[in-house]
Amino acid sequence: MKFRKCRSGWHPPVYRGKKHGILITVDRSEHGWYFYGGGHNSLRSGIGSFPTKEQAFEAAEKWCDMKAKNRHKTD
């Protein structure tokens, strides 16, 4: 999964990547790095507080895999 740096207005750069058709954004807060699904920032759906952006990228990728797996379940 490849993340690219995006700049949005006055905000410091965020990183965006896409896997299984799910757009992920990795952003930084005063508490560390976190990620959220979708292109817009909703702090409620922000996940994690990672010391490095690489750890946030890794967690985001695992989260995408999990989401995709759950999406294909049929019961």
Protein backbone atom coordinates (compact mmCIF):
# COMPACT_ATOMS: atom_id res chain seq x y z
CA MET A 1 0.00 0.00 0.00
CA LYS A 2 1.46 3.30 -1.05
CA PHE A 3 0.76 6.51 0.82
CA ARG A 4 1.32 9.88 -0.75
CA LYS A 5 1.62 13.23 0.90
CA CYS A 6 -1.33 15.58 0.38
CA ARG A 7 -1.57 19.16 1.43
CA SER A 8 -4.97 20.57 2.24
CA GLY A 9 -5.16 24.31 2.74
CA TRP A 10 -3.53 25.57 5.93
CA HIS A 11 -3.38 22.08 7.41
CA PRO A 12 0.01 20.35 7.62
CA PRO A 13 0.38 17.58 5.07
CA VAL A 14 -1.60 14.40 5.55
CA TYR A 15 -0.93 11.06 3.88
CA ARG A 16 -3.49 9.28 1.75
CA GLY A 17 -3.54 5.75 0.46
CA LYS A 18 -6.07 3.38 -1.06
CA LYS A 19 -6.49 -0.35 -0.64
CA HIS A 20 -9.43 -2.60 -1.53
CA GLY A 21 -11.18 0.55 -2.73
CA ILE A 22 -11.00 2.07 0.76
CA LEU A 23 -9.43 5.50 1.01
CA ILE A 24 -7.34 5.94 4.16
CA THR A 25 -5.96 9.17 5.53
CA VAL A 26 -3.11 9.25 8.03
CA ASP A 27 -2.92 12.46 10.02
CA ARG A 28 -1.08 13.81 13.01
CA SER A 29 -2.39 15.24 16.24
CA GLU A 30 -0.60 16.43 19.35
CA HIS A 31 -0.96 12.88 20.70
CA GLY A 32 0.67 11.15 17.73
CA TRP A 33 -0.30 9.73 14.37
CA TYR A 34 -3.73 8.27 13.67
CA PHE A 35 -5.74 7.20 10.64
CA TYR A 36 -9.31 7.36 9.46
CA GLY A 37 -11.25 5.88 6.58
CA GLY A 38 -12.59 8.22 3.94
CA GLY A 39 -11.20 11.43 2.57
CA HIS A 40 -12.50 13.86 5.14
CA ASN A 41 -11.41 14.31 8.71
CA SER A 42 -13.79 13.01 11.31
CA LEU A 43 -12.04 12.78 14.66
CA ARG A 44 -14.69 10.41 15.93
CA SER A 45 -13.60 7.77 13.43
CA GLY A 46 -9.89 8.43 13.96
CA ILE A 47 -8.14 5.25 15.05
CA GLY A 48 -5.01 4.88 17.12
CA SER A 49 -2.27 7.04 18.46
CA PHE A 50 1.01 5.89 17.02
CA PRO A 51 4.43 7.39 17.76
CA THR A 52 5.53 7.18 14.10
CA LYS A 53 3.68 7.57 10.84
CA GLU A 54 5.10 4.23 9.63
CA GLN A 55 3.29 2.45 12.46
CA ALA A 56 0.10 4.28 11.55
CA PHE A 57 0.53 3.24 7.88
CA GLU A 58 0.96 -0.40 8.94
CA ALA A 59 -2.10 -0.33 11.20
CA ALA A 60 -4.15 1.38 8.49
CA GLU A 61 -3.21 -1.33 6.00
CA LYS A 62 -4.24 -4.10 8.44
CA TRP A 63 -7.48 -2.24 9.12
CA CYS A 64 -8.19 -2.10 5.36
CA ASP A 65 -7.59 -5.84 5.03
CA MET A 66 -9.96 -6.52 7.92
CA LYS A 67 -12.64 -4.21 6.49
CA ALA A 68 -12.39 -5.84 3.07
CA LYS A 69 -12.58 -9.33 4.56
CA ASN A 70 -15.68 -8.44 6.59
CA ARG A 71 -17.27 -6.82 3.55
CA HIS A 72 -17.10 -10.07 1.56
CA LYS A 73 -18.66 -12.24 4.26
CA THR A 74 -22.04 -13.66 3.36
CA ASP A 75 -24.27 -15.16 6.00
